[in-house]
Amino acid sequence: MVYARRMGDPNSKEDLPCMGAEASMVYASRMVDPDSKDDLPFRHYSLKHRLIAWISIHLFDSATYTVRRGLLKGMKRRGGLGWVPAMFSPGSMMAEQQFWFGLDLSGKTVYDVGAFQGLLTLFFASRTKAVVCFEPNTQNHKRLMENLMLNGIKNVIVCNAGVGSRHETRKMVANPLMAGGASVDGKTVDELLRSGARTVAEEISVVALDEEIPRANLPSPDLIKIDIEGWELEALRGARHTLELHKPALFLEMHGETMREKRRKVAEIVGFLWELNYRRIRHIETGTSITPENTSVAVEGHLYCQPS
């Protein structure tokens, strides 16, 4: 589960030449009635992204190297194009990267929900007391474990499960070329299946944080990052008691298969958080303070949320 991607390994934010936030998704333009554009599917990955993903997977997937730039500079990694020097990746640092570099994580416990191949997990592990990460996709989980071992990371708990509103088994679908887009969200899955691209599916276990934290005796979170391809609200619903009790900060990536769907999802997320008194909500890409009245500002990008 995870992530809108850009240049480099499109499944990896660490591999991206730093383009503006607006470049993370390209709207599918078609000759249609303008009134229906809100219902057109988003094209999350352009042809260029897919070409780079093919090169990354087929030519460099088994390569092990030291990352040359970004959040993981100096750390080891397998696969992707993080070995490309920064001089060949022009542009300013992305807002998301600037946010993480500027956030004090010392002494904190961070939950990485939708850990992908461990790129943010590795960054968190280098700066925090402990990390608890969740990644159910078999391909991603295997690479996550490899990257943790390569760096000798000892302060990370890995949970091979998805996160939602309750304990259940769900079908996860992904385009094998874009494993970062694996999802259990119904509309996201439908769009993947309609796209005509080759897909792979697997049954995964889903847990609710309110149940899993006491069951597994996990440390209480100070920060929860959630990026699970449209299933973010379900994860929040399953963590209601955790949010009320521990009041962790939240870092959420916004998803949705159409503009209408994206507006609906962000409005529901902000409304849910507002009820729990999470009213310090900032859109990372624009710096805008988000309220239930201006959620459309945040249909793309990320939200940093703190209780009032």
Protein backbone atom coordinates (compact mmCIF):
# COMPACT_ATOMS: atom_id res chain seq x y z
CA MET A 1 0.00 0.00 0.00
CA VAL A 2 1.43 3.31 -0.62
CA TYR A 3 2.14 6.31 -2.43
CA ALA A 4 1.84 8.54 -5.46
CA ARG A 5 5.28 8.35 -7.12
CA ARG A 6 7.33 10.54 -9.38
CA MET A 7 10.63 10.41 -11.31
CA GLY A 8 13.31 7.88 -10.46
CA ASP A 9 11.81 4.67 -9.19
CA PRO A 10 8.17 5.81 -9.44
CA ASN A 11 7.43 3.59 -6.46
CA SER A 12 9.95 5.54 -4.39
CA LYS A 13 9.83 9.13 -3.23
CA GLU A 14 13.53 8.93 -2.49
CA ASP A 15 14.36 8.44 -6.17
CA LEU A 16 12.49 11.44 -7.47
CA PRO A 17 14.07 14.41 -9.14
CA CYS A 18 12.43 17.10 -7.08
CA MET A 19 9.53 18.47 -9.04
CA GLY A 20 6.64 20.49 -7.66
CA ALA A 21 3.87 18.77 -5.74
CA GLU A 22 1.59 19.25 -8.69
CA ALA A 23 3.75 16.88 -10.70
CA SER A 24 2.98 13.91 -8.48
CA MET A 25 -0.22 13.12 -10.38
CA VAL A 26 -1.20 13.79 -13.96
CA TYR A 27 -4.84 14.27 -14.76
CA ALA A 28 -6.15 12.04 -17.51
CA SER A 29 -7.30 14.45 -20.22
CA ARG A 30 -10.05 13.23 -22.51
CA MET A 31 -12.56 14.79 -24.87
CA VAL A 32 -15.59 14.86 -22.60
CA ASP A 33 -18.25 17.15 -21.32
CA PRO A 34 -16.39 19.57 -18.97
CA ASP A 35 -19.07 18.98 -16.33
CA SER A 36 -18.02 15.34 -16.07
CA LYS A 37 -14.28 15.92 -15.62
CA ASP A 38 -14.60 15.45 -11.88
CA ASP A 39 -15.43 11.81 -12.54
CA LEU A 40 -12.51 11.04 -14.85
CA PRO A 41 -9.90 8.67 -13.41
CA PHE A 42 -6.63 10.16 -12.27
CA ARG A 43 -3.60 8.87 -14.13
CA HIS A 44 -1.27 8.33 -11.20
CA TYR A 45 1.66 7.25 -13.36
CA SER A 46 2.61 8.75 -16.71
CA LEU A 47 4.27 6.79 -19.52
CA LYS A 48 7.58 8.31 -18.43
CA HIS A 49 7.07 7.01 -14.88
CA ARG A 50 6.24 3.55 -16.18
CA LEU A 51 9.33 3.49 -18.40
CA ILE A 52 11.57 4.46 -15.50
CA ALA A 53 9.86 1.86 -13.30
CA TRP A 54 10.57 -0.80 -15.94
CA ILE A 55 14.24 0.21 -16.06
CA SER A 56 14.47 0.22 -12.28
CA ILE A 57 12.84 -3.19 -11.85
CA HIS A 58 14.43 -5.03 -14.78
CA LEU A 59 17.94 -3.55 -14.66
CA PHE A 60 18.60 -2.47 -11.08
CA ASP A 61 16.21 -4.38 -8.84
CA SER A 62 18.95 -6.55 -7.33
CA ALA A 63 21.51 -3.75 -7.03
CA THR A 64 22.68 -2.87 -3.53
CA TYR A 65 24.21 0.56 -3.03
CA THR A 66 24.60 3.60 -0.79
CA VAL A 67 21.94 6.25 -1.43
CA ARG A 68 23.44 9.45 -2.84
CA ARG A 69 20.70 11.96 -2.06
CA GLY A 70 17.45 12.70 -0.25
CA LEU A 71 16.18 11.46 3.10
CA LEU A 72 18.25 8.27 2.95
CA LYS A 73 21.56 9.81 1.88
CA GLY A 74 24.37 7.66 3.25
CA MET A 75 22.15 4.65 4.03
CA LYS A 76 22.15 1.36 2.12
CA ARG A 77 19.34 0.22 -0.10
CA ARG A 78 18.48 -2.53 -2.55
CA GLY A 79 16.71 -1.68 -5.81
CA GLY A 80 15.59 1.65 -7.22
CA LEU A 81 17.66 4.53 -8.54
CA GLY A 82 18.78 6.22 -5.33
CA TRP A 83 22.39 5.74 -6.45
CA VAL A 84 22.00 8.48 -9.07
CA PRO A 85 23.93 11.56 -7.81
CA ALA A 86 21.96 14.67 -6.85
CA MET A 87 23.63 16.61 -9.69
CA PHE A 88 21.56 14.52 -12.14
CA SER A 89 18.36 15.19 -10.21
CA PRO A 90 17.92 18.96 -10.51
CA GLY A 91 15.26 21.00 -8.77
CA SER A 92 14.33 22.13 -5.31
CA MET A 93 13.62 19.69 -2.51
CA MET A 94 10.04 18.50 -2.38
CA ALA A 95 7.82 19.96 0.35
CA GLU A 96 7.39 16.52 1.88
CA GLN A 97 11.15 16.00 2.19
CA GLN A 98 11.59 19.48 3.65
CA PHE A 99 8.93 18.67 6.22
CA TRP A 100 10.62 15.45 7.35
CA PHE A 101 14.06 17.02 7.54
CA GLY A 102 12.65 19.82 9.69
CA LEU A 103 10.64 17.65 12.12
CA ASP A 104 12.21 16.77 15.47
CA LEU A 105 11.68 13.02 15.96
CA SER A 106 14.20 12.43 18.73
CA GLY A 107 12.92 10.15 21.49
CA LYS A 108 9.63 9.48 19.70
CA THR A 109 7.85 6.32 18.57
CA VAL A 110 6.67 6.54 14.97
CA TYR A 111 4.15 4.25 13.25
CA ASP A 112 4.72 3.85 9.50
CA VAL A 113 1.41 2.58 8.15
CA GLY A 114 1.97 1.58 4.54
CA ALA A 115 5.74 1.19 4.81
CA PHE A 116 6.29 0.12 1.20
CA GLN A 117 9.96 -0.96 0.94
CA GLY A 118 11.01 0.85 4.09
CA LEU A 119 12.21 4.14 2.66
CA LEU A 120 10.58 6.32 5.31
CA THR A 121 10.97 3.53 7.85
CA LEU A 122 14.75 3.75 7.45
CA PHE A 123 14.67 7.52 7.82
CA PHE A 124 12.50 7.29 10.94
CA ALA A 125 14.72 4.58 12.43
CA SER A 126 17.77 6.83 12.10
CA ARG A 127 16.10 9.63 14.08
CA THR A 128 13.61 8.12 16.51
CA LYS A 129 13.52 5.88 19.57
CA ALA A 130 11.39 3.22 17.85
CA VAL A 131 9.42 2.55 14.68
CA VAL A 132 6.43 0.26 14.21
CA CYS A 133 5.68 -0.36 10.55
CA PHE A 134 2.87 -2.13 8.72
CA GLU A 135 3.28 -3.52 5.20
CA PRO A 136 1.09 -6.38 3.92
CA ASN A 137 2.19 -6.59 0.28
CA THR A 138 4.45 -9.64 -0.11
CA GLN A 139 6.83 -8.03 -2.62
CA ASN A 140 7.16 -4.82 -0.62
CA HIS A 141 7.50 -6.61 2.73
CA LYS A 142 10.38 -8.74 1.42
CA ARG A 143 12.29 -5.67 0.20
CA LEU A 144 11.49 -3.81 3.44
CA MET A 145 13.14 -6.60 5.45
CA GLU A 146 16.16 -6.61 3.12
CA ASN A 147 16.66 -2.87 3.50
CA LEU A 148 16.40 -3.06 7.28
CA MET A 149 19.00 -5.87 7.38
CA LEU A 150 21.36 -4.01 5.05
CA ASN A 151 21.48 -1.11 7.51
CA GLY A 152 21.60 -3.20 10.68
CA ILE A 153 18.43 -1.54 11.95
CA LYS A 154 17.38 -2.82 15.39
CA ASN A 155 14.72 -0.36 16.56
CA VAL A 156 11.95 -1.31 14.09
CA ILE A 157 9.00 -3.66 14.68
CA VAL A 158 7.63 -4.98 11.38
CA CYS A 159 4.00 -6.07 11.13
CA ASN A 160 3.11 -8.02 8.00
CA ALA A 161 -0.47 -6.71 7.87
CA GLY A 162 -2.59 -3.91 6.53
CA VAL A 163 -4.39 -1.41 8.76
CA GLY A 164 -8.11 -0.64 8.68
CA SER A 165 -11.18 -0.15 10.84
CA ARG A 166 -11.43 -3.79 11.97
CA HIS A 167 -9.70 -7.15 11.82
CA GLU A 168 -10.50 -8.84 8.51
CA THR A 169 -9.07 -10.41 5.38
CA ARG A 170 -9.19 -8.37 2.18
CA LYS A 171 -7.99 -8.71 -1.40
CA MET A 172 -5.10 -6.41 -2.28
CA VAL A 173 -4.56 -5.61 -5.96
CA ALA A 174 -1.50 -4.03 -7.55
CA ASN A 175 0.15 -3.38 -10.88
CA PRO A 176 3.43 -5.34 -10.46
CA LEU A 177 5.30 -2.52 -12.17
CA MET A 178 3.96 -0.08 -9.56
CA ALA A 179 3.93 -2.08 -6.33
CA GLY A 180 3.73 1.17 -4.38
CA GLY A 181 0.14 1.55 -5.57
CA ALA A 182 -1.14 -1.71 -4.11
CA SER A 183 -4.56 -1.14 -2.54
CA VAL A 184 -7.55 -2.74 -0.86
CA ASP A 185 -9.78 0.31 -1.41
CA GLY A 186 -12.75 -0.74 -3.52
CA LYS A 187 -12.73 2.11 -6.04
CA THR A 188 -8.94 2.05 -6.36
CA VAL A 189 -9.03 -1.69 -7.01
CA ASP A 190 -11.85 -1.27 -9.56
CA GLU A 191 -9.83 1.35 -11.44
CA LEU A 192 -6.74 -0.87 -11.46
CA LEU A 193 -8.77 -3.75 -12.88
CA ARG A 194 -10.38 -1.50 -15.53
CA SER A 195 -7.06 0.02 -16.60
CA GLY A 196 -6.11 -2.95 -18.75
CA ALA A 197 -2.70 -3.22 -17.11
CA ARG A 198 -1.50 -6.53 -15.71
CA THR A 199 -2.44 -6.88 -12.06
CA VAL A 200 -1.58 -9.21 -9.22
CA ALA A 201 -3.83 -9.93 -6.26
CA GLU A 202 -3.33 -11.48 -2.86
CA GLU A 203 -5.34 -11.97 0.31
CA ILE A 204 -3.95 -9.94 3.20
CA SER A 205 -4.69 -9.66 6.89
CA VAL A 206 -5.98 -6.27 8.05
CA VAL A 207 -5.83 -5.13 11.68
CA ALA A 208 -7.24 -2.17 13.62
CA LEU A 209 -4.67 -0.25 15.67
CA ASP A 210 -7.03 -0.03 18.66
CA GLU A 211 -6.99 -3.83 18.83
CA GLU A 212 -3.46 -4.55 17.61
CA ILE A 213 -1.58 -2.22 19.97
CA PRO A 214 -2.72 -3.96 23.17
CA ARG A 215 -2.78 -7.42 21.58
CA ALA A 216 0.84 -7.20 20.39
CA ASN A 217 1.96 -5.02 23.30
CA LEU A 218 3.17 -2.34 20.90
CA PRO A 219 4.58 0.95 22.19
CA SER A 220 2.15 3.87 22.09
CA PRO A 221 2.65 6.14 19.07
CA ASP A 222 3.82 9.75 19.12
CA LEU A 223 3.39 10.10 15.35
CA ILE A 224 1.44 7.98 12.86
CA LYS A 225 2.19 8.27 9.16
CA ILE A 226 -0.55 6.74 6.97
CA ASP A 227 -0.23 6.30 3.21
CA ILE A 228 -2.36 3.36 2.10
CA GLU A 229 -3.88 4.23 -1.26
CA GLY A 230 -7.34 5.45 -0.32
CA TRP A 231 -7.83 3.42 2.88
CA GLU A 232 -6.64 6.19 5.22
CA LEU A 233 -10.03 6.96 6.77
CA GLU A 234 -10.59 3.28 7.58
CA ALA A 235 -7.24 3.19 9.39
CA LEU A 236 -8.19 6.30 11.36
CA ARG A 237 -11.56 4.83 12.31
CA GLY A 238 -9.79 1.75 13.65
CA ALA A 239 -7.50 3.98 15.72
CA ARG A 240 -10.14 6.23 17.32
CA HIS A 241 -9.35 5.12 20.89
CA THR A 242 -5.60 5.40 20.22
CA LEU A 243 -6.03 8.96 18.96
CA GLU A 244 -8.19 9.93 21.94
CA LEU A 245 -5.86 8.30 24.48
CA HIS A 246 -2.35 9.03 23.16
CA LYS A 247 -3.05 12.02 20.87
CA PRO A 248 -0.29 11.25 18.35
CA ALA A 249 0.47 13.66 15.53
CA LEU A 250 -0.65 12.37 12.11
CA PHE A 251 0.90 12.57 8.66
CA LEU A 252 -1.58 11.55 5.97
CA GLU A 253 -1.29 11.25 2.20
CA MET A 254 -4.43 12.10 0.23
CA HIS A 255 -5.77 9.68 -2.37
CA GLY A 256 -8.76 9.17 -4.65
CA GLU A 257 -9.41 7.83 -8.12
CA THR A 258 -11.26 10.93 -9.39
CA MET A 259 -11.33 14.57 -8.35
CA ARG A 260 -14.81 14.08 -6.94
CA GLU A 261 -13.58 11.09 -4.94
CA LYS A 262 -10.51 12.98 -3.72
CA ARG A 263 -12.65 15.88 -2.49
CA ARG A 264 -15.00 13.49 -0.73
CA LYS A 265 -12.20 11.59 0.98
CA VAL A 266 -10.33 14.64 2.28
CA ALA A 267 -13.59 16.18 3.55
CA GLU A 268 -14.45 12.97 5.42
CA ILE A 269 -10.97 12.70 6.90
CA VAL A 270 -10.92 16.29 8.11
CA GLY A 271 -14.46 15.94 9.47
CA PHE A 272 -13.48 12.80 11.39
CA LEU A 273 -10.40 14.44 12.85
CA TRP A 274 -12.33 17.59 13.74
CA GLU A 275 -14.67 15.48 15.89
CA LEU A 276 -11.64 14.15 17.79
CA ASN A 277 -10.37 17.70 18.37
CA TYR A 278 -7.57 17.38 15.82
CA ARG A 279 -7.96 20.94 14.64
CA ARG A 280 -4.39 21.95 13.87
CA ILE A 281 -4.28 20.57 10.34
CA ARG A 282 -1.75 21.87 7.83
CA HIS A 283 -1.49 21.11 4.13
CA ILE A 284 2.21 20.41 3.65
CA GLU A 285 2.46 21.52 0.04
CA THR A 286 0.83 24.95 0.46
CA GLY A 287 1.18 25.62 4.19
CA THR A 288 -2.57 26.27 4.38
CA SER A 289 -4.41 25.64 7.65
CA ILE A 290 -7.21 23.21 6.79
CA THR A 291 -10.71 23.33 8.29
CA PRO A 292 -13.95 21.61 7.25
CA GLU A 293 -14.67 24.72 5.15
CA ASN A 294 -11.60 24.61 2.88
CA THR A 295 -10.77 20.91 2.47
CA SER A 296 -10.67 21.23 -1.33
CA VAL A 297 -7.26 22.88 -0.94
CA ALA A 298 -5.87 19.53 0.22
CA VAL A 299 -7.20 17.11 -2.42
CA GLU A 300 -3.58 16.36 -3.37
CA GLY A 301 -0.53 16.13 -1.19
CA HIS A 302 -0.22 15.58 2.54
CA LEU A 303 -1.74 16.70 5.82
CA TYR A 304 0.06 17.12 9.14
CA CYS A 305 -2.49 16.93 11.92
CA GLN A 306 -2.18 17.66 15.64
CA PRO A 307 -4.74 17.78 18.45
CA SER A 308 -5.73 21.25 19.65
